[in-house]
Protein backbone atom coordinates (compact mmCIF):
# COMPACT_ATOMS: atom_id res chain seq x y z
CA UNK A 1 0.00 0.00 0.00
CA UNK A 2 1.32 3.44 -0.82
CA UNK A 3 2.33 5.56 2.16
CA UNK A 4 0.62 8.86 2.77
CA UNK A 5 2.85 11.92 2.68
CA UNK A 6 0.31 14.12 4.40
CA UNK A 7 0.92 14.76 8.08
CA UNK A 8 -2.21 14.28 10.22
CA UNK A 9 -3.92 17.31 11.69
CA UNK A 10 -3.51 16.84 15.44
CA UNK A 11 -5.38 19.92 16.59
CA UNK A 12 -8.73 20.63 14.96
CA UNK A 13 -9.85 17.04 14.43
CA UNK A 14 -9.39 15.88 18.01
CA UNK A 15 -10.20 18.72 20.40
CA UNK A 16 -13.51 17.16 21.39
CA UNK A 17 -12.05 13.66 21.74
CA UNK A 18 -9.16 14.86 23.87
CA UNK A 19 -11.47 16.79 26.17
CA UNK A 20 -13.46 13.62 26.85
CA UNK A 21 -10.37 11.62 27.87
CA UNK A 22 -10.68 9.72 31.11
CA UNK A 23 -9.32 11.82 33.97
CA UNK A 24 -5.99 10.75 35.47
CA UNK A 25 -5.77 9.53 39.02
CA UNK A 26 -5.24 12.27 41.68
CA UNK A 27 -1.80 13.86 41.43
CA UNK A 28 0.69 15.72 43.57
CA UNK A 29 2.98 18.42 42.14
CA UNK A 30 6.69 18.08 42.92
CA UNK A 31 9.31 20.73 42.27
CA UNK A 32 12.71 19.91 40.74
CA UNK A 33 15.53 22.32 41.65
CA UNK A 34 16.31 24.38 38.57
CA UNK A 35 13.41 22.90 36.61
CA UNK A 36 9.63 22.94 36.24
CA UNK A 37 7.23 21.18 38.52
CA UNK A 38 5.83 17.76 37.70
CA UNK A 39 2.52 16.07 38.47
CA UNK A 40 3.02 12.61 39.96
CA UNK A 41 0.28 10.02 40.61
CA UNK A 42 -0.86 9.41 44.15
CA UNK A 43 -1.11 5.71 44.88
CA UNK A 44 -1.31 4.04 48.26
CA UNK A 45 -0.49 6.41 51.13
CA UNK A 46 3.26 6.49 51.68
CA UNK A 47 3.97 4.31 48.64
CA UNK A 48 5.20 5.85 45.38
CA UNK A 49 4.15 4.52 41.99
CA UNK A 50 7.12 2.48 40.67
CA UNK A 51 8.66 3.78 37.45
CA UNK A 52 9.05 1.47 34.45
CA UNK A 53 10.41 1.85 30.90
CA UNK A 54 7.87 3.67 28.76
CA UNK A 55 9.39 2.74 25.39
CA UNK A 56 10.03 -0.74 24.07
CA UNK A 57 13.69 -1.07 23.17
CA UNK A 58 15.74 -3.81 21.54
CA UNK A 59 17.98 -5.35 24.20
CA UNK A 60 16.05 -3.82 27.10
CA UNK A 61 17.25 -5.06 30.47
CA UNK A 62 13.99 -5.44 32.40
CA UNK A 63 14.25 -9.24 32.54
CA UNK A 64 17.93 -9.13 33.54
CA UNK A 65 17.46 -6.75 36.49
CA UNK A 66 17.60 -9.52 39.16
CA UNK A 67 20.95 -10.76 37.82
CA UNK A 68 22.39 -7.27 37.38
CA UNK A 69 21.29 -6.34 40.89
CA UNK A 70 23.56 -9.01 42.36
CA UNK A 71 26.57 -7.76 40.37
CA UNK A 72 26.35 -3.99 40.93
CA UNK A 73 27.96 -2.05 43.81
CA UNK A 74 25.93 -1.98 47.01
CA UNK A 75 26.40 1.75 47.61
CA UNK A 76 26.00 4.38 44.86
CA UNK A 77 26.18 8.13 45.30
CA UNK A 78 25.80 9.38 41.71
CA UNK A 79 24.90 7.10 38.81
CA UNK A 80 25.51 7.31 35.06
CA UNK A 81 24.00 5.34 32.18
CA UNK A 82 25.44 6.38 28.79
CA UNK A 83 23.53 3.93 26.55
CA UNK A 84 20.09 4.77 27.90
CA UNK A 85 17.68 3.04 25.49
CA UNK A 86 14.54 2.22 27.48
CA UNK A 87 16.21 3.02 30.82
CA UNK A 88 15.22 -0.18 32.66
CA UNK A 89 18.29 -0.14 34.92
CA UNK A 90 17.89 3.56 35.70
CA UNK A 91 14.24 3.17 36.70
CA UNK A 92 14.95 0.09 38.80
CA UNK A 93 17.72 1.80 40.76
CA UNK A 94 15.65 4.94 41.19
CA UNK A 95 12.71 2.91 42.50
CA UNK A 96 15.12 1.46 45.07
CA UNK A 97 16.40 4.97 45.97
CA UNK A 98 19.86 3.61 45.14
CA UNK A 99 21.32 7.00 44.19
CA UNK A 100 20.72 10.69 44.84
CA UNK A 101 21.53 12.02 41.38
CA UNK A 102 22.28 10.71 37.90
CA UNK A 103 23.49 11.47 34.40
CA UNK A 104 21.77 9.59 31.58
CA UNK A 105 22.80 9.96 27.94
CA UNK A 106 22.28 8.36 24.55
CA UNK A 107 23.54 8.90 21.00
CA UNK A 108 19.98 8.74 19.65
CA UNK A 109 18.49 12.24 19.70
CA UNK A 110 14.90 10.93 19.75
CA UNK A 111 15.67 8.97 22.93
CA UNK A 112 17.26 11.99 24.60
CA UNK A 113 14.35 14.19 23.54
CA UNK A 114 11.60 11.85 24.73
CA UNK A 115 13.20 11.37 28.16
CA UNK A 116 13.69 15.12 28.53
CA UNK A 117 10.08 15.84 27.55
CA UNK A 118 8.74 13.17 29.91
CA UNK A 119 10.75 14.80 32.70
CA UNK A 120 9.92 18.44 31.95
CA UNK A 121 6.67 18.62 29.93
CA UNK A 122 4.54 15.66 30.99
CA UNK A 123 1.16 17.45 30.77
CA UNK A 124 1.74 18.72 27.23
CA UNK A 125 3.06 15.31 26.17
CA UNK A 126 0.00 13.49 27.48
CA UNK A 127 -2.27 15.93 25.65
CA UNK A 128 -0.41 15.28 22.38
CA UNK A 129 -0.54 11.52 22.90
CA UNK A 130 -4.27 11.64 23.57
CA UNK A 131 -4.74 13.42 20.25
CA UNK A 132 -2.79 10.67 18.47
CA UNK A 133 -4.80 8.04 20.36
CA UNK A 134 -8.15 9.59 19.44
CA UNK A 135 -7.24 9.91 15.76
CA UNK A 136 -5.73 6.45 15.50
CA UNK A 137 -8.34 4.43 17.41
CA UNK A 138 -11.22 6.16 15.61
CA UNK A 139 -10.00 4.52 12.38
CA UNK A 140 -10.16 0.90 11.23
CA UNK A 141 -8.05 -1.35 9.04
CA UNK A 142 -6.18 0.42 6.27
CA UNK A 143 -7.25 3.81 7.55
CA UNK A 144 -5.28 3.12 10.71
CA UNK A 145 -2.27 2.07 8.67
CA UNK A 146 -2.55 5.26 6.60
CA UNK A 147 -2.50 7.34 9.77
CA UNK A 148 0.56 5.44 11.06
CA UNK A 149 2.48 5.98 7.83
CA UNK A 150 1.50 9.65 7.73
CA UNK A 151 2.99 10.14 11.20
CA UNK A 152 6.04 8.07 10.26
CA UNK A 153 6.72 10.13 7.13
CA UNK A 154 6.30 13.40 9.04
CA UNK A 155 9.98 13.44 10.01
CA UNK A 156 11.57 16.04 12.33
CA UNK A 157 14.35 16.47 9.78
CA UNK A 158 11.84 17.80 7.25
CA UNK A 159 10.17 20.50 9.34
CA UNK A 160 10.50 22.23 12.67
CA UNK A 161 8.92 20.19 15.45
CA UNK A 162 8.60 21.20 19.06
CA UNK A 163 10.23 18.78 21.53
CA UNK A 164 6.73 17.70 22.64
CA UNK A 165 5.60 16.99 19.07
CA UNK A 166 8.75 14.97 18.42
CA UNK A 167 8.39 12.99 21.66
CA UNK A 168 4.70 12.26 20.98
CA UNK A 169 5.58 11.09 17.47
CA UNK A 170 8.21 8.70 18.82
CA UNK A 171 5.96 7.24 21.50
CA UNK A 172 3.04 6.85 19.09
CA UNK A 173 5.21 5.03 16.54
CA UNK A 174 6.85 2.88 19.22
CA UNK A 175 3.45 1.74 20.49
CA UNK A 176 1.85 1.09 17.11
CA UNK A 177 4.72 -0.25 14.96
CA UNK A 178 5.51 -3.91 14.34
CA UNK A 179 6.81 -5.59 17.51
CA UNK A 180 7.56 -2.20 19.10
CA UNK A 181 10.86 -2.19 17.24
CA UNK A 182 12.52 1.23 16.95
CA UNK A 183 14.72 0.95 13.87
CA UNK A 184 16.33 3.66 11.76
CA UNK A 185 17.89 3.52 8.31
CA UNK A 186 21.27 5.04 7.45
CA UNK A 187 19.60 8.42 6.97
CA UNK A 188 18.26 8.33 10.52
CA UNK A 189 14.65 7.74 9.47
CA UNK A 190 12.42 5.38 11.39
CA UNK A 191 11.38 2.57 9.02
CA UNK A 192 9.56 -0.14 11.01
CA UNK A 193 6.17 -1.04 9.46
CA UNK A 194 2.72 -0.76 11.01
CA UNK A 195 1.97 -3.25 13.79
CA UNK A 196 -1.82 -3.64 13.45
CA UNK A 197 -2.59 -4.05 17.16
CA UNK A 198 -6.25 -4.07 18.11
CA UNK A 199 -6.19 -1.66 21.06
CA UNK A 200 -2.72 -0.22 21.74
CA UNK A 201 -2.39 2.03 24.78
CA UNK A 202 -0.88 5.17 23.28
CA UNK A 203 -1.25 7.55 26.24
CA UNK A 204 -0.42 5.56 29.44
CA UNK A 205 -0.77 8.46 31.86
CA UNK A 206 0.10 6.66 35.11
CA UNK A 207 3.23 5.06 33.65
CA UNK A 208 4.46 8.31 32.11
CA UNK A 209 3.81 10.35 35.25
CA UNK A 210 5.69 7.82 37.37
CA UNK A 211 8.61 7.96 34.92
CA UNK A 212 8.51 11.76 35.01
CA UNK A 213 8.78 11.75 38.79
CA UNK A 214 11.69 9.29 38.68
CA UNK A 215 13.56 11.44 36.14
CA UNK A 216 13.53 14.60 38.26
CA UNK A 217 16.96 13.77 39.75
CA UNK A 218 18.56 13.06 36.36
CA UNK A 219 20.57 15.25 34.02
CA UNK A 220 19.78 14.11 30.46
CA UNK A 221 22.04 14.78 27.50
CA UNK A 222 23.02 13.60 24.04
CA UNK A 223 26.63 12.43 24.18
CA UNK A 224 29.06 10.13 22.43
CA UNK A 225 30.26 7.29 24.65
CA UNK A 226 33.87 8.44 24.17
CA UNK A 227 33.06 11.44 26.36
CA UNK A 228 32.10 9.26 29.32
CA UNK A 229 35.31 9.78 31.36
CA UNK A 230 35.05 13.57 31.13
CA UNK A 231 31.31 13.54 31.87
CA UNK A 232 31.86 11.23 34.83
CA UNK A 233 34.44 13.65 36.20
CA UNK A 234 32.25 16.70 35.60
CA UNK A 235 29.23 15.14 37.34
CA UNK A 236 31.06 13.38 40.22
CA UNK A 237 29.80 9.97 39.10
CA UNK A 238 30.94 6.93 41.11
CA UNK A 239 29.14 4.12 39.22
CA UNK A 240 28.45 3.65 35.50
CA UNK A 241 26.26 1.00 33.88
CA UNK A 242 26.85 0.50 30.16
CA UNK A 243 24.56 -1.42 27.82
CA UNK A 244 26.01 -0.71 24.36
CA UNK A 245 24.75 -2.17 21.09
CA UNK A 246 25.93 -5.77 21.32
CA UNK A 247 28.69 -7.20 19.19
CA UNK A 248 27.05 -9.65 16.73
CA UNK A 249 27.77 -13.32 17.36
CA UNK A 250 26.78 -14.20 13.78
CA UNK A 251 26.04 -12.42 10.51
CA UNK A 252 22.29 -12.82 11.05
CA UNK A 253 22.41 -11.38 14.59
CA UNK A 254 23.98 -8.08 13.57
CA UNK A 255 21.05 -5.87 14.55
CA UNK A 256 22.69 -3.06 16.48
CA UNK A 257 21.87 0.00 14.38
CA UNK A 258 19.13 1.53 16.53
CA UNK A 259 20.89 4.82 15.78
CA UNK A 260 22.41 5.68 12.44
CA UNK A 261 25.97 4.41 11.99
CA UNK A 262 25.60 1.22 14.02
CA UNK A 263 28.34 0.11 16.41
CA UNK A 264 31.45 -1.39 14.84
CA UNK A 265 34.15 -3.64 16.22
CA UNK A 266 36.38 -0.57 16.40
CA UNK A 267 33.75 1.16 18.52
CA UNK A 268 33.73 -1.86 20.86
CA UNK A 269 37.50 -1.49 21.25
CA UNK A 270 37.14 2.23 21.97
CA UNK A 271 34.50 1.44 24.58
CA UNK A 272 36.95 -0.99 26.23
CA UNK A 273 39.48 1.86 26.33
CA UNK A 274 36.84 4.01 28.06
CA UNK A 275 36.38 1.27 30.66
CA UNK A 276 40.13 1.13 31.26
CA UNK A 277 40.11 4.90 31.81
CA UNK A 278 37.19 4.65 34.24
CA UNK A 279 39.05 2.00 36.20
CA UNK A 280 42.13 4.22 36.41
CA UNK A 281 39.87 6.99 37.74
CA UNK A 282 38.55 4.68 40.46
CA UNK A 283 35.03 4.76 39.02
CA UNK A 284 33.15 1.48 39.25
CA UNK A 285 31.44 0.15 36.13
CA UNK A 286 29.28 -2.73 34.97
CA UNK A 287 28.94 -3.47 31.24
CA UNK A 288 26.66 -5.87 29.37
CA UNK A 289 27.50 -7.40 25.99
CA UNK A 290 27.19 -10.54 23.91
CA UNK A 291 29.07 -13.67 24.97
CA UNK A 292 31.68 -14.17 22.25
CA UNK A 293 35.44 -14.55 21.98
CA UNK A 294 35.89 -11.00 20.69
CA UNK A 295 34.22 -9.38 23.73
CA UNK A 296 35.82 -11.77 26.21
CA UNK A 297 39.21 -10.97 24.69
CA UNK A 298 38.66 -7.23 24.98
CA UNK A 299 37.80 -7.43 28.68
CA UNK A 300 40.01 -10.32 29.81
CA UNK A 301 41.70 -8.11 32.43
CA UNK A 302 38.35 -7.48 34.18
CA UNK A 303 35.87 -9.64 36.08
CA UNK A 304 33.57 -11.38 33.56
CA UNK A 305 30.35 -13.14 34.56
CA UNK A 306 27.86 -15.06 32.39
CA UNK A 307 24.09 -14.52 32.50
CA UNK A 308 21.19 -15.93 30.51
CA UNK A 309 18.97 -13.34 28.83
CA UNK A 310 15.56 -13.79 27.20
CA UNK A 311 15.32 -12.51 23.64
CA UNK A 312 11.99 -12.00 21.87
CA UNK A 313 12.63 -9.63 18.94
CA UNK A 314 12.86 -12.33 16.27
CA UNK A 315 9.79 -12.36 14.02
CA UNK A 316 9.77 -16.16 14.20
CA UNK A 317 8.60 -17.52 17.54
CA UNK A 318 10.76 -20.66 17.30
CA UNK A 319 13.88 -18.45 17.04
CA UNK A 320 13.22 -16.73 20.36
CA UNK A 321 14.54 -17.93 23.69
CA UNK A 322 17.45 -17.47 26.08
CA UNK A 323 20.94 -16.50 25.01
CA UNK A 324 24.21 -16.18 26.90
CA UNK A 325 25.48 -12.69 27.68
CA UNK A 326 28.46 -11.43 29.62
CA UNK A 327 28.53 -8.88 32.41
CA UNK A 328 31.90 -7.17 32.83
CA UNK A 329 32.91 -5.42 36.07
CA UNK A 330 35.99 -3.72 37.43
CA UNK A 331 35.43 -5.27 40.84
CA UNK A 332 38.93 -5.60 42.25
CA UNK A 333 41.06 -5.16 45.33
CA UNK A 334 41.38 -1.50 46.31
CA UNK A 335 38.04 -0.47 44.81
CA UNK A 336 35.11 -0.50 47.21
CA UNK A 337 32.21 -2.58 45.90
């Protein structure tokens, strides 16, 4: 089917639908030093709503959290996560009040933008998502697909978009595309096809408000991983978790280009050099990667552990299952862990 090149009208067509949206649960406004306030959901008295990843991301660590929890340092003052993706590790540690402040970065500008907007402009973002939701769910069949492809083709590189518009576009596409797979071509354009879900939740208010509250202690930036040592020094970071695009263990497993340019073997070597520098600085790190001779060889001077990770991004169900991964740490004598 031919894709529509006409961007959907997200204002006039949906004002009435958006105004009839179901009201959120009661909220409490928190203030972030140096930033705007944020509305957070009120759950049980004395118990905060736990934050969870709000985007589906290839290689997300939600299912590996129990294993990673046993391998991380017990005490963390300031945390950094330079390959943010869906942020599963960040949200877990924040739910546990494991750190007081954090720096989270990613090379993908859409990721950086959506996390920043969730932190700083949650009300406007939810309004934009409700407009997408009303327009999308009011259509059926090919009309829904046409709306999806219109939003997909309305690229931020082609016209000026506000941060909120860009974040809403990303979240809408992530929740309605095939398998929730965020994939970009070499030109940086999202190219995953329509997912055809019956009733996708496009504006999950409680989840996004909980994430917004959890992000209030985080500085968010777009940064190349090679800048990690300097950023760690500038922000007084004492623990870094790194989840880079994995080194492929076969030609058919080489999906690591969630951001244009991919992640080459040379980049893996440069990341190892970053880890060596962090160790010299006395900064603790944990790194996840694929279990293969190349990665084991790069990090043979560090502590390497093996974990089993569930993988479900293959389009064929019989190709999904558990795979071996490595967790690398600089746990050593003379470095408190």
